[in-house]
N, C-alpha and C. Protein backbone atom coordinates (compact mmCIF):
# COMPACT_ATOMS: atom_id res chain seq x y z
N MET A 1 -13.48 12.07 31.05
CA MET A 1 -13.74 11.72 29.66
C MET A 1 -13.19 10.32 29.41
N SER A 2 -14.02 9.50 28.81
CA SER A 2 -13.62 8.14 28.49
C SER A 2 -13.27 8.06 27.00
N LEU A 3 -12.05 7.62 26.71
CA LEU A 3 -11.62 7.52 25.32
C LEU A 3 -11.93 6.13 24.79
N THR A 4 -13.17 5.95 24.40
CA THR A 4 -13.62 4.69 23.82
C THR A 4 -13.29 4.69 22.33
N ILE A 5 -13.41 3.54 21.70
CA ILE A 5 -13.17 3.46 20.25
C ILE A 5 -14.12 4.39 19.49
N PRO A 6 -15.43 4.42 19.80
CA PRO A 6 -16.30 5.38 19.10
C PRO A 6 -15.86 6.84 19.29
N ASN A 7 -15.42 7.19 20.51
CA ASN A 7 -14.97 8.56 20.75
C ASN A 7 -13.69 8.88 19.97
N ILE A 8 -12.81 7.92 19.86
CA ILE A 8 -11.58 8.11 19.08
C ILE A 8 -11.94 8.34 17.61
N LEU A 9 -12.90 7.58 17.09
CA LEU A 9 -13.33 7.77 15.70
C LEU A 9 -13.96 9.14 15.50
N THR A 10 -14.71 9.62 16.48
CA THR A 10 -15.30 10.95 16.40
C THR A 10 -14.22 12.02 16.39
N LEU A 11 -13.23 11.89 17.27
CA LEU A 11 -12.12 12.85 17.29
C LEU A 11 -11.33 12.79 15.97
N PHE A 12 -11.21 11.60 15.42
CA PHE A 12 -10.52 11.42 14.14
C PHE A 12 -11.22 12.23 13.04
N ARG A 13 -12.56 12.26 13.05
CA ARG A 13 -13.30 13.05 12.06
C ARG A 13 -12.95 14.52 12.17
N ILE A 14 -12.79 15.00 13.38
CA ILE A 14 -12.42 16.41 13.57
C ILE A 14 -11.01 16.67 13.04
N VAL A 15 -10.11 15.74 13.24
CA VAL A 15 -8.73 15.86 12.75
C VAL A 15 -8.71 15.88 11.21
N LEU A 16 -9.67 15.21 10.58
CA LEU A 16 -9.73 15.18 9.12
C LEU A 16 -10.07 16.54 8.50
N ILE A 17 -10.70 17.42 9.25
CA ILE A 17 -11.16 18.71 8.70
C ILE A 17 -10.00 19.55 8.16
N PRO A 18 -8.93 19.79 8.93
CA PRO A 18 -7.84 20.58 8.33
C PRO A 18 -7.18 19.86 7.16
N ILE A 19 -7.21 18.54 7.17
CA ILE A 19 -6.66 17.77 6.04
C ILE A 19 -7.49 18.03 4.79
N LEU A 20 -8.83 18.11 4.94
CA LEU A 20 -9.70 18.46 3.82
C LEU A 20 -9.31 19.80 3.21
N PHE A 21 -9.11 20.79 4.08
CA PHE A 21 -8.75 22.13 3.59
C PHE A 21 -7.42 22.12 2.85
N ILE A 22 -6.45 21.44 3.42
CA ILE A 22 -5.13 21.38 2.78
C ILE A 22 -5.23 20.70 1.42
N LEU A 23 -5.88 19.54 1.39
CA LEU A 23 -6.01 18.81 0.13
C LEU A 23 -6.76 19.60 -0.92
N PHE A 24 -7.83 20.25 -0.51
CA PHE A 24 -8.67 20.97 -1.47
C PHE A 24 -7.86 22.02 -2.23
N TRP A 25 -6.93 22.68 -1.56
CA TRP A 25 -6.19 23.78 -2.17
C TRP A 25 -4.81 23.39 -2.69
N LEU A 26 -4.44 22.12 -2.57
CA LEU A 26 -3.15 21.70 -3.13
C LEU A 26 -3.19 21.81 -4.65
N PRO A 27 -2.13 22.35 -5.26
CA PRO A 27 -2.12 22.52 -6.72
C PRO A 27 -1.62 21.29 -7.47
N VAL A 28 -2.21 20.13 -7.16
CA VAL A 28 -1.84 18.89 -7.84
C VAL A 28 -3.10 18.18 -8.33
N ASP A 29 -2.98 17.36 -9.36
CA ASP A 29 -4.13 16.71 -9.98
C ASP A 29 -4.89 15.77 -9.03
N TRP A 30 -4.18 15.15 -8.12
CA TRP A 30 -4.80 14.15 -7.25
C TRP A 30 -5.43 14.75 -6.00
N ALA A 31 -5.33 16.07 -5.82
CA ALA A 31 -5.80 16.69 -4.58
C ALA A 31 -7.31 16.54 -4.38
N ARG A 32 -8.10 16.84 -5.40
CA ARG A 32 -9.55 16.78 -5.24
C ARG A 32 -10.04 15.35 -5.02
N PRO A 33 -9.56 14.36 -5.79
CA PRO A 33 -9.97 12.99 -5.48
C PRO A 33 -9.57 12.58 -4.05
N ALA A 34 -8.38 12.99 -3.63
CA ALA A 34 -7.94 12.67 -2.26
C ALA A 34 -8.87 13.33 -1.24
N CYS A 35 -9.29 14.55 -1.54
CA CYS A 35 -10.22 15.27 -0.66
C CYS A 35 -11.55 14.50 -0.56
N GLY A 36 -12.05 14.02 -1.69
CA GLY A 36 -13.27 13.23 -1.69
C GLY A 36 -13.13 11.95 -0.89
N ILE A 37 -11.97 11.32 -1.00
CA ILE A 37 -11.72 10.08 -0.26
C ILE A 37 -11.64 10.35 1.24
N VAL A 38 -10.97 11.43 1.62
CA VAL A 38 -10.87 11.78 3.05
C VAL A 38 -12.26 12.07 3.61
N PHE A 39 -13.08 12.80 2.86
CA PHE A 39 -14.44 13.07 3.34
C PHE A 39 -15.23 11.76 3.48
N THR A 40 -15.09 10.89 2.50
CA THR A 40 -15.79 9.59 2.55
C THR A 40 -15.34 8.79 3.77
N LEU A 41 -14.05 8.82 4.06
CA LEU A 41 -13.53 8.15 5.25
C LEU A 41 -14.19 8.72 6.50
N GLY A 42 -14.32 10.03 6.56
CA GLY A 42 -15.00 10.65 7.70
C GLY A 42 -16.46 10.24 7.79
N ALA A 43 -17.14 10.19 6.65
CA ALA A 43 -18.55 9.78 6.64
C ALA A 43 -18.71 8.34 7.11
N VAL A 44 -17.80 7.49 6.70
CA VAL A 44 -17.85 6.08 7.12
C VAL A 44 -17.59 5.96 8.62
N THR A 45 -16.63 6.74 9.13
CA THR A 45 -16.37 6.67 10.57
C THR A 45 -17.55 7.20 11.37
N ASP A 46 -18.32 8.12 10.78
CA ASP A 46 -19.53 8.63 11.44
C ASP A 46 -20.52 7.48 11.65
N TRP A 47 -20.74 6.71 10.61
CA TRP A 47 -21.64 5.56 10.74
C TRP A 47 -21.04 4.53 11.70
N PHE A 48 -19.75 4.28 11.54
CA PHE A 48 -19.09 3.21 12.29
C PHE A 48 -19.01 3.53 13.78
N ASP A 49 -18.78 4.79 14.15
CA ASP A 49 -18.68 5.08 15.59
C ASP A 49 -20.03 4.88 16.28
N GLY A 50 -21.12 5.24 15.60
CA GLY A 50 -22.44 4.99 16.17
C GLY A 50 -22.73 3.51 16.31
N TYR A 51 -22.36 2.75 15.27
CA TYR A 51 -22.55 1.30 15.30
C TYR A 51 -21.77 0.69 16.46
N LEU A 52 -20.51 1.08 16.60
CA LEU A 52 -19.67 0.52 17.67
C LEU A 52 -20.17 0.93 19.05
N ALA A 53 -20.61 2.17 19.19
CA ALA A 53 -21.13 2.61 20.49
C ALA A 53 -22.31 1.75 20.91
N ARG A 54 -23.20 1.45 19.95
CA ARG A 54 -24.36 0.59 20.27
C ARG A 54 -23.92 -0.86 20.50
N ARG A 55 -23.10 -1.36 19.61
CA ARG A 55 -22.69 -2.77 19.65
C ARG A 55 -21.86 -3.10 20.89
N LEU A 56 -20.94 -2.19 21.24
CA LEU A 56 -20.05 -2.43 22.37
C LEU A 56 -20.57 -1.84 23.68
N GLY A 57 -21.72 -1.18 23.61
CA GLY A 57 -22.26 -0.54 24.81
C GLY A 57 -21.35 0.56 25.32
N GLN A 58 -20.77 1.32 24.40
CA GLN A 58 -19.81 2.36 24.78
C GLN A 58 -20.38 3.76 24.58
N HIS A 59 -21.62 3.95 24.98
CA HIS A 59 -22.22 5.29 24.93
C HIS A 59 -21.60 6.11 26.06
N THR A 60 -21.17 7.32 25.75
CA THR A 60 -20.64 8.22 26.77
C THR A 60 -21.28 9.59 26.58
N ASN A 61 -21.31 10.37 27.64
CA ASN A 61 -21.82 11.74 27.54
C ASN A 61 -20.95 12.54 26.57
N PHE A 62 -19.63 12.34 26.65
CA PHE A 62 -18.70 13.02 25.76
C PHE A 62 -19.02 12.68 24.31
N GLY A 63 -19.24 11.41 24.01
CA GLY A 63 -19.56 10.97 22.66
C GLY A 63 -20.89 11.53 22.17
N GLU A 64 -21.88 11.55 23.04
CA GLU A 64 -23.19 12.08 22.65
C GLU A 64 -23.12 13.57 22.34
N PHE A 65 -22.23 14.27 23.03
CA PHE A 65 -22.03 15.69 22.75
C PHE A 65 -21.21 15.88 21.47
N LEU A 66 -20.07 15.17 21.39
CA LEU A 66 -19.10 15.45 20.34
C LEU A 66 -19.49 14.90 18.97
N ASP A 67 -20.20 13.79 18.92
CA ASP A 67 -20.54 13.18 17.63
C ASP A 67 -21.30 14.14 16.71
N PRO A 68 -22.40 14.75 17.16
CA PRO A 68 -23.09 15.67 16.25
C PRO A 68 -22.27 16.92 15.94
N VAL A 69 -21.42 17.35 16.89
CA VAL A 69 -20.56 18.50 16.63
C VAL A 69 -19.57 18.16 15.52
N ALA A 70 -18.95 16.99 15.61
CA ALA A 70 -17.99 16.56 14.59
C ALA A 70 -18.66 16.44 13.23
N ASP A 71 -19.87 15.89 13.21
CA ASP A 71 -20.61 15.75 11.95
C ASP A 71 -20.86 17.11 11.31
N LYS A 72 -21.36 18.04 12.11
CA LYS A 72 -21.69 19.36 11.58
C LYS A 72 -20.44 20.11 11.14
N LEU A 73 -19.37 20.02 11.91
CA LEU A 73 -18.12 20.68 11.53
C LEU A 73 -17.60 20.14 10.20
N MET A 74 -17.66 18.83 10.05
CA MET A 74 -17.15 18.22 8.83
C MET A 74 -18.02 18.58 7.61
N VAL A 75 -19.31 18.49 7.76
CA VAL A 75 -20.23 18.79 6.65
C VAL A 75 -20.15 20.27 6.27
N VAL A 76 -20.21 21.15 7.26
CA VAL A 76 -20.17 22.58 6.97
C VAL A 76 -18.82 22.97 6.35
N SER A 77 -17.74 22.42 6.86
CA SER A 77 -16.42 22.70 6.28
C SER A 77 -16.36 22.27 4.83
N ALA A 78 -16.86 21.08 4.55
CA ALA A 78 -16.85 20.57 3.18
C ALA A 78 -17.73 21.42 2.27
N LEU A 79 -18.89 21.82 2.75
CA LEU A 79 -19.78 22.66 1.95
C LEU A 79 -19.15 24.02 1.65
N ILE A 80 -18.46 24.58 2.62
CA ILE A 80 -17.77 25.86 2.39
C ILE A 80 -16.69 25.69 1.33
N LEU A 81 -15.94 24.59 1.40
CA LEU A 81 -14.92 24.33 0.38
C LEU A 81 -15.56 24.21 -1.01
N ILE A 82 -16.62 23.43 -1.10
CA ILE A 82 -17.30 23.23 -2.38
C ILE A 82 -17.80 24.57 -2.93
N LEU A 83 -18.41 25.35 -2.06
CA LEU A 83 -18.94 26.64 -2.48
C LEU A 83 -17.81 27.59 -2.91
N SER A 84 -16.67 27.52 -2.26
CA SER A 84 -15.55 28.38 -2.64
C SER A 84 -15.02 28.02 -4.03
N GLY A 85 -15.15 26.76 -4.40
CA GLY A 85 -14.72 26.32 -5.73
C GLY A 85 -15.76 26.53 -6.80
N GLU A 86 -17.02 26.67 -6.40
CA GLU A 86 -18.13 26.81 -7.36
C GLU A 86 -19.17 27.77 -6.78
N PRO A 87 -18.83 29.08 -6.75
CA PRO A 87 -19.76 30.04 -6.13
C PRO A 87 -20.91 30.43 -7.06
N LYS A 88 -21.68 29.45 -7.44
CA LYS A 88 -22.82 29.67 -8.34
C LYS A 88 -24.12 29.49 -7.57
N LEU A 89 -25.19 30.08 -8.08
CA LEU A 89 -26.48 30.05 -7.40
C LEU A 89 -26.94 28.62 -7.11
N TRP A 90 -26.72 27.70 -8.06
CA TRP A 90 -27.18 26.32 -7.85
C TRP A 90 -26.41 25.62 -6.74
N MET A 91 -25.31 26.22 -6.29
CA MET A 91 -24.58 25.69 -5.13
C MET A 91 -24.90 26.50 -3.88
N VAL A 92 -25.04 27.82 -4.04
CA VAL A 92 -25.29 28.69 -2.89
C VAL A 92 -26.59 28.31 -2.19
N ILE A 93 -27.65 28.10 -2.95
CA ILE A 93 -28.96 27.84 -2.34
C ILE A 93 -28.96 26.55 -1.51
N PRO A 94 -28.54 25.39 -2.07
CA PRO A 94 -28.57 24.19 -1.22
C PRO A 94 -27.61 24.27 -0.03
N VAL A 95 -26.46 24.92 -0.23
CA VAL A 95 -25.50 25.05 0.89
C VAL A 95 -26.12 25.92 1.99
N ALA A 96 -26.75 27.03 1.62
CA ALA A 96 -27.39 27.90 2.62
C ALA A 96 -28.53 27.17 3.33
N VAL A 97 -29.31 26.39 2.58
CA VAL A 97 -30.42 25.63 3.17
C VAL A 97 -29.88 24.61 4.17
N ILE A 98 -28.86 23.87 3.77
CA ILE A 98 -28.33 22.81 4.64
C ILE A 98 -27.70 23.41 5.90
N ILE A 99 -26.88 24.44 5.74
CA ILE A 99 -26.23 25.05 6.91
C ILE A 99 -27.27 25.72 7.80
N GLY A 100 -28.23 26.43 7.19
CA GLY A 100 -29.28 27.08 7.97
C GLY A 100 -30.09 26.08 8.78
N ARG A 101 -30.43 24.99 8.16
CA ARG A 101 -31.20 23.94 8.86
C ARG A 101 -30.41 23.38 10.03
N GLU A 102 -29.12 23.18 9.85
CA GLU A 102 -28.29 22.64 10.93
C GLU A 102 -28.31 23.58 12.14
N ILE A 103 -28.25 24.87 11.88
CA ILE A 103 -28.28 25.85 12.97
C ILE A 103 -29.64 25.81 13.67
N VAL A 104 -30.72 25.82 12.89
CA VAL A 104 -32.07 25.81 13.46
C VAL A 104 -32.31 24.55 14.29
N ILE A 105 -31.97 23.41 13.74
CA ILE A 105 -32.25 22.14 14.44
C ILE A 105 -31.35 21.98 15.67
N SER A 106 -30.11 22.43 15.59
CA SER A 106 -29.23 22.37 16.77
C SER A 106 -29.82 23.21 17.90
N ALA A 107 -30.27 24.42 17.57
CA ALA A 107 -30.87 25.29 18.58
C ALA A 107 -32.16 24.67 19.11
N LEU A 108 -32.96 24.10 18.23
CA LEU A 108 -34.21 23.47 18.64
C LEU A 108 -33.95 22.30 19.59
N ARG A 109 -32.98 21.46 19.25
CA ARG A 109 -32.66 20.32 20.13
C ARG A 109 -32.17 20.78 21.49
N GLU A 110 -31.34 21.81 21.50
CA GLU A 110 -30.84 22.33 22.78
C GLU A 110 -31.99 22.87 23.61
N TRP A 111 -32.87 23.63 22.99
CA TRP A 111 -34.01 24.21 23.69
C TRP A 111 -34.94 23.11 24.21
N MET A 112 -35.21 22.11 23.35
CA MET A 112 -36.08 21.01 23.77
C MET A 112 -35.45 20.22 24.92
N ALA A 113 -34.14 20.09 24.90
CA ALA A 113 -33.46 19.40 26.00
C ALA A 113 -33.64 20.16 27.31
N GLU A 114 -33.59 21.49 27.23
CA GLU A 114 -33.81 22.32 28.43
C GLU A 114 -35.21 22.11 28.99
N LEU A 115 -36.16 21.83 28.11
CA LEU A 115 -37.53 21.58 28.54
C LEU A 115 -37.74 20.13 28.98
N GLY A 116 -36.71 19.31 28.81
CA GLY A 116 -36.84 17.89 29.13
C GLY A 116 -37.61 17.13 28.07
N LYS A 117 -37.66 17.65 26.86
CA LYS A 117 -38.43 17.06 25.76
C LYS A 117 -37.55 16.68 24.58
N ARG A 118 -36.30 16.41 24.81
CA ARG A 118 -35.34 16.11 23.74
C ARG A 118 -35.82 14.96 22.85
N ALA A 119 -36.48 13.96 23.44
CA ALA A 119 -36.95 12.80 22.67
C ALA A 119 -37.99 13.18 21.63
N GLN A 120 -38.64 14.33 21.80
CA GLN A 120 -39.66 14.76 20.84
C GLN A 120 -39.05 15.16 19.50
N VAL A 121 -37.74 15.43 19.47
CA VAL A 121 -37.08 15.82 18.22
C VAL A 121 -35.98 14.81 17.87
N ALA A 122 -36.34 13.55 17.96
CA ALA A 122 -35.41 12.48 17.60
C ALA A 122 -35.23 12.44 16.08
N VAL A 123 -34.15 11.83 15.65
CA VAL A 123 -33.84 11.74 14.22
C VAL A 123 -34.91 10.91 13.52
N SER A 124 -35.39 11.42 12.38
CA SER A 124 -36.43 10.73 11.61
C SER A 124 -35.80 10.01 10.42
N MET A 125 -36.59 9.19 9.75
CA MET A 125 -36.12 8.51 8.55
C MET A 125 -35.81 9.51 7.44
N VAL A 126 -36.60 10.58 7.36
CA VAL A 126 -36.32 11.63 6.36
C VAL A 126 -34.95 12.24 6.65
N GLY A 127 -34.65 12.47 7.92
CA GLY A 127 -33.36 13.03 8.30
C GLY A 127 -32.21 12.10 7.95
N LYS A 128 -32.41 10.81 8.17
CA LYS A 128 -31.37 9.83 7.83
C LYS A 128 -31.17 9.75 6.31
N THR A 129 -32.27 9.80 5.57
CA THR A 129 -32.18 9.78 4.11
C THR A 129 -31.48 11.03 3.60
N LYS A 130 -31.83 12.17 4.19
CA LYS A 130 -31.18 13.44 3.85
C LYS A 130 -29.68 13.34 4.06
N THR A 131 -29.28 12.79 5.19
CA THR A 131 -27.86 12.66 5.50
C THR A 131 -27.15 11.77 4.49
N THR A 132 -27.78 10.69 4.07
CA THR A 132 -27.18 9.80 3.08
C THR A 132 -26.96 10.53 1.75
N PHE A 133 -28.00 11.20 1.26
CA PHE A 133 -27.87 11.96 0.00
C PHE A 133 -26.80 13.04 0.14
N GLN A 134 -26.82 13.72 1.27
CA GLN A 134 -25.89 14.82 1.51
C GLN A 134 -24.44 14.33 1.51
N MET A 135 -24.18 13.24 2.20
CA MET A 135 -22.81 12.72 2.29
C MET A 135 -22.30 12.24 0.93
N ILE A 136 -23.15 11.56 0.18
CA ILE A 136 -22.74 11.11 -1.16
C ILE A 136 -22.50 12.31 -2.06
N ALA A 137 -23.41 13.29 -2.00
CA ALA A 137 -23.26 14.50 -2.82
C ALA A 137 -21.95 15.21 -2.51
N ILE A 138 -21.67 15.40 -1.24
CA ILE A 138 -20.45 16.11 -0.86
C ILE A 138 -19.21 15.34 -1.30
N ALA A 139 -19.22 14.03 -1.10
CA ALA A 139 -18.07 13.22 -1.53
C ALA A 139 -17.85 13.35 -3.04
N PHE A 140 -18.92 13.27 -3.82
CA PHE A 140 -18.81 13.41 -5.28
C PHE A 140 -18.32 14.80 -5.68
N LEU A 141 -18.84 15.83 -5.02
CA LEU A 141 -18.45 17.20 -5.36
C LEU A 141 -17.00 17.48 -4.98
N LEU A 142 -16.55 16.93 -3.87
CA LEU A 142 -15.15 17.10 -3.49
C LEU A 142 -14.24 16.31 -4.41
N PHE A 143 -14.62 15.09 -4.74
CA PHE A 143 -13.81 14.23 -5.62
C PHE A 143 -13.64 14.89 -6.99
N GLU A 144 -14.73 15.43 -7.49
CA GLU A 144 -14.81 16.27 -8.69
C GLU A 144 -14.51 15.55 -10.00
N GLN A 145 -13.49 14.74 -10.07
CA GLN A 145 -13.06 14.11 -11.32
C GLN A 145 -13.90 12.88 -11.63
N PRO A 146 -13.93 12.47 -12.90
CA PRO A 146 -14.67 11.24 -13.26
C PRO A 146 -14.16 10.05 -12.45
N LEU A 147 -15.08 9.19 -12.10
CA LEU A 147 -14.76 7.98 -11.34
C LEU A 147 -15.23 6.78 -12.15
N LEU A 148 -14.31 5.93 -12.54
CA LEU A 148 -14.60 4.76 -13.36
C LEU A 148 -15.33 5.18 -14.65
N GLY A 149 -14.93 6.33 -15.20
CA GLY A 149 -15.50 6.82 -16.43
C GLY A 149 -16.84 7.53 -16.27
N ILE A 150 -17.31 7.67 -15.04
CA ILE A 150 -18.60 8.31 -14.78
C ILE A 150 -18.34 9.73 -14.28
N GLN A 151 -19.02 10.70 -14.89
CA GLN A 151 -18.92 12.09 -14.45
C GLN A 151 -19.71 12.25 -13.15
N ILE A 152 -19.04 12.18 -12.01
CA ILE A 152 -19.75 12.20 -10.74
C ILE A 152 -20.06 13.61 -10.23
N TYR A 153 -19.37 14.62 -10.74
CA TYR A 153 -19.63 15.99 -10.27
C TYR A 153 -21.08 16.41 -10.55
N PRO A 154 -21.58 16.25 -11.78
CA PRO A 154 -22.99 16.64 -11.99
C PRO A 154 -23.96 15.79 -11.17
N ILE A 155 -23.59 14.55 -10.93
CA ILE A 155 -24.42 13.70 -10.06
C ILE A 155 -24.42 14.28 -8.65
N GLY A 156 -23.25 14.73 -8.20
CA GLY A 156 -23.14 15.36 -6.89
C GLY A 156 -23.98 16.61 -6.77
N VAL A 157 -24.00 17.42 -7.85
CA VAL A 157 -24.83 18.64 -7.85
C VAL A 157 -26.30 18.26 -7.71
N LEU A 158 -26.75 17.28 -8.47
CA LEU A 158 -28.13 16.83 -8.39
C LEU A 158 -28.46 16.28 -6.99
N LEU A 159 -27.58 15.44 -6.46
CA LEU A 159 -27.80 14.86 -5.13
C LEU A 159 -27.83 15.94 -4.05
N LEU A 160 -27.03 16.99 -4.23
CA LEU A 160 -27.06 18.09 -3.26
C LEU A 160 -28.40 18.81 -3.31
N GLN A 161 -28.97 18.96 -4.51
CA GLN A 161 -30.29 19.58 -4.65
C GLN A 161 -31.35 18.72 -3.95
N VAL A 162 -31.26 17.40 -4.15
CA VAL A 162 -32.20 16.48 -3.49
C VAL A 162 -32.02 16.56 -1.97
N ALA A 163 -30.77 16.60 -1.53
CA ALA A 163 -30.50 16.71 -0.09
C ALA A 163 -31.09 17.99 0.48
N ALA A 164 -31.03 19.08 -0.29
CA ALA A 164 -31.59 20.36 0.18
C ALA A 164 -33.10 20.26 0.36
N VAL A 165 -33.78 19.60 -0.58
CA VAL A 165 -35.23 19.41 -0.47
C VAL A 165 -35.54 18.54 0.76
N LEU A 166 -34.80 17.45 0.92
CA LEU A 166 -35.00 16.59 2.09
C LEU A 166 -34.67 17.33 3.39
N THR A 167 -33.72 18.23 3.31
CA THR A 167 -33.34 19.05 4.46
C THR A 167 -34.52 19.90 4.91
N ILE A 168 -35.19 20.52 3.97
CA ILE A 168 -36.36 21.35 4.29
C ILE A 168 -37.47 20.47 4.87
N MET A 169 -37.69 19.32 4.24
CA MET A 169 -38.74 18.41 4.73
C MET A 169 -38.45 17.96 6.16
N SER A 170 -37.21 17.58 6.43
CA SER A 170 -36.88 17.09 7.77
C SER A 170 -36.97 18.22 8.80
N MET A 171 -36.59 19.43 8.40
CA MET A 171 -36.69 20.56 9.32
C MET A 171 -38.15 20.80 9.70
N PHE A 172 -39.05 20.74 8.72
CA PHE A 172 -40.47 20.94 9.03
C PHE A 172 -41.00 19.83 9.94
N LEU A 173 -40.51 18.60 9.75
CA LEU A 173 -40.94 17.51 10.64
C LEU A 173 -40.47 17.75 12.07
N TYR A 174 -39.22 18.22 12.23
CA TYR A 174 -38.71 18.55 13.56
C TYR A 174 -39.53 19.67 14.19
N LEU A 175 -39.78 20.73 13.41
CA LEU A 175 -40.55 21.85 13.93
C LEU A 175 -41.97 21.45 14.28
N LYS A 176 -42.56 20.58 13.47
CA LYS A 176 -43.92 20.09 13.76
C LYS A 176 -43.93 19.32 15.08
N SER A 177 -42.90 18.50 15.32
CA SER A 177 -42.82 17.75 16.58
C SER A 177 -42.68 18.68 17.78
N ALA A 178 -41.96 19.77 17.58
CA ALA A 178 -41.70 20.69 18.69
C ALA A 178 -42.78 21.74 18.86
N TRP A 179 -43.63 21.90 17.85
CA TRP A 179 -44.60 23.00 17.85
C TRP A 179 -45.47 23.07 19.10
N PRO A 180 -45.98 21.95 19.62
CA PRO A 180 -46.81 22.05 20.83
C PRO A 180 -46.06 22.68 22.02
N TYR A 181 -44.76 22.53 22.08
CA TYR A 181 -43.98 23.06 23.18
C TYR A 181 -43.55 24.50 22.93
N ILE A 182 -43.44 24.87 21.65
CA ILE A 182 -43.05 26.23 21.30
C ILE A 182 -44.14 27.22 21.73
N GLY A 183 -45.38 26.79 21.57
CA GLY A 183 -46.51 27.67 21.90
C GLY A 183 -46.84 27.76 23.39
N GLU A 184 -46.24 26.89 24.21
CA GLU A 184 -46.53 26.92 25.65
C GLU A 184 -45.96 28.17 26.29
N SER A 185 -46.67 28.66 27.31
CA SER A 185 -46.12 29.79 28.05
C SER A 185 -45.31 29.25 29.23
N ARG A 186 -44.30 30.01 29.60
CA ARG A 186 -43.47 29.62 30.75
C ARG A 186 -44.04 30.23 32.02
N ASN A 187 -44.24 29.39 33.02
CA ASN A 187 -44.74 29.89 34.31
C ASN A 187 -43.72 29.69 35.37
């Protein structure tokens, strides 16, 4: 295993997960904003580690494996925290859609890789847009309190709904790309 700067940033995102849980449940006024900031830091390192891996030519097998795992762990952990604080239908549905899609697409990518067709399910622009909306929504929902006089929690709820719609759209695009291989028989 090569400990490159991008890999260190990816590991750092995983280390942030228990910090999110601790902050979320601390009984102090600044806990939720701090939780939102920690999540935002993780989201920024997600972008930054990919940028550095490309820029510095530091792609590693370990990084290619761990980066999506770290992303999913962080997003799912944050969504579970948000849902635990607001167990309402308008939160349950987008959280279930987002987590369900992550499971389906992870399995699809693994299966396509076994077929040697991993490139057929590459990340699309819809997927990247979904991720942007999702990360902003989660950061706003974790932060919870007004920011610069703006009520960001309801904005976060709306953005999470948009992310859920984009999640469904991107999942269908992935499935459409894989469909010709799903119907093939194995000989």
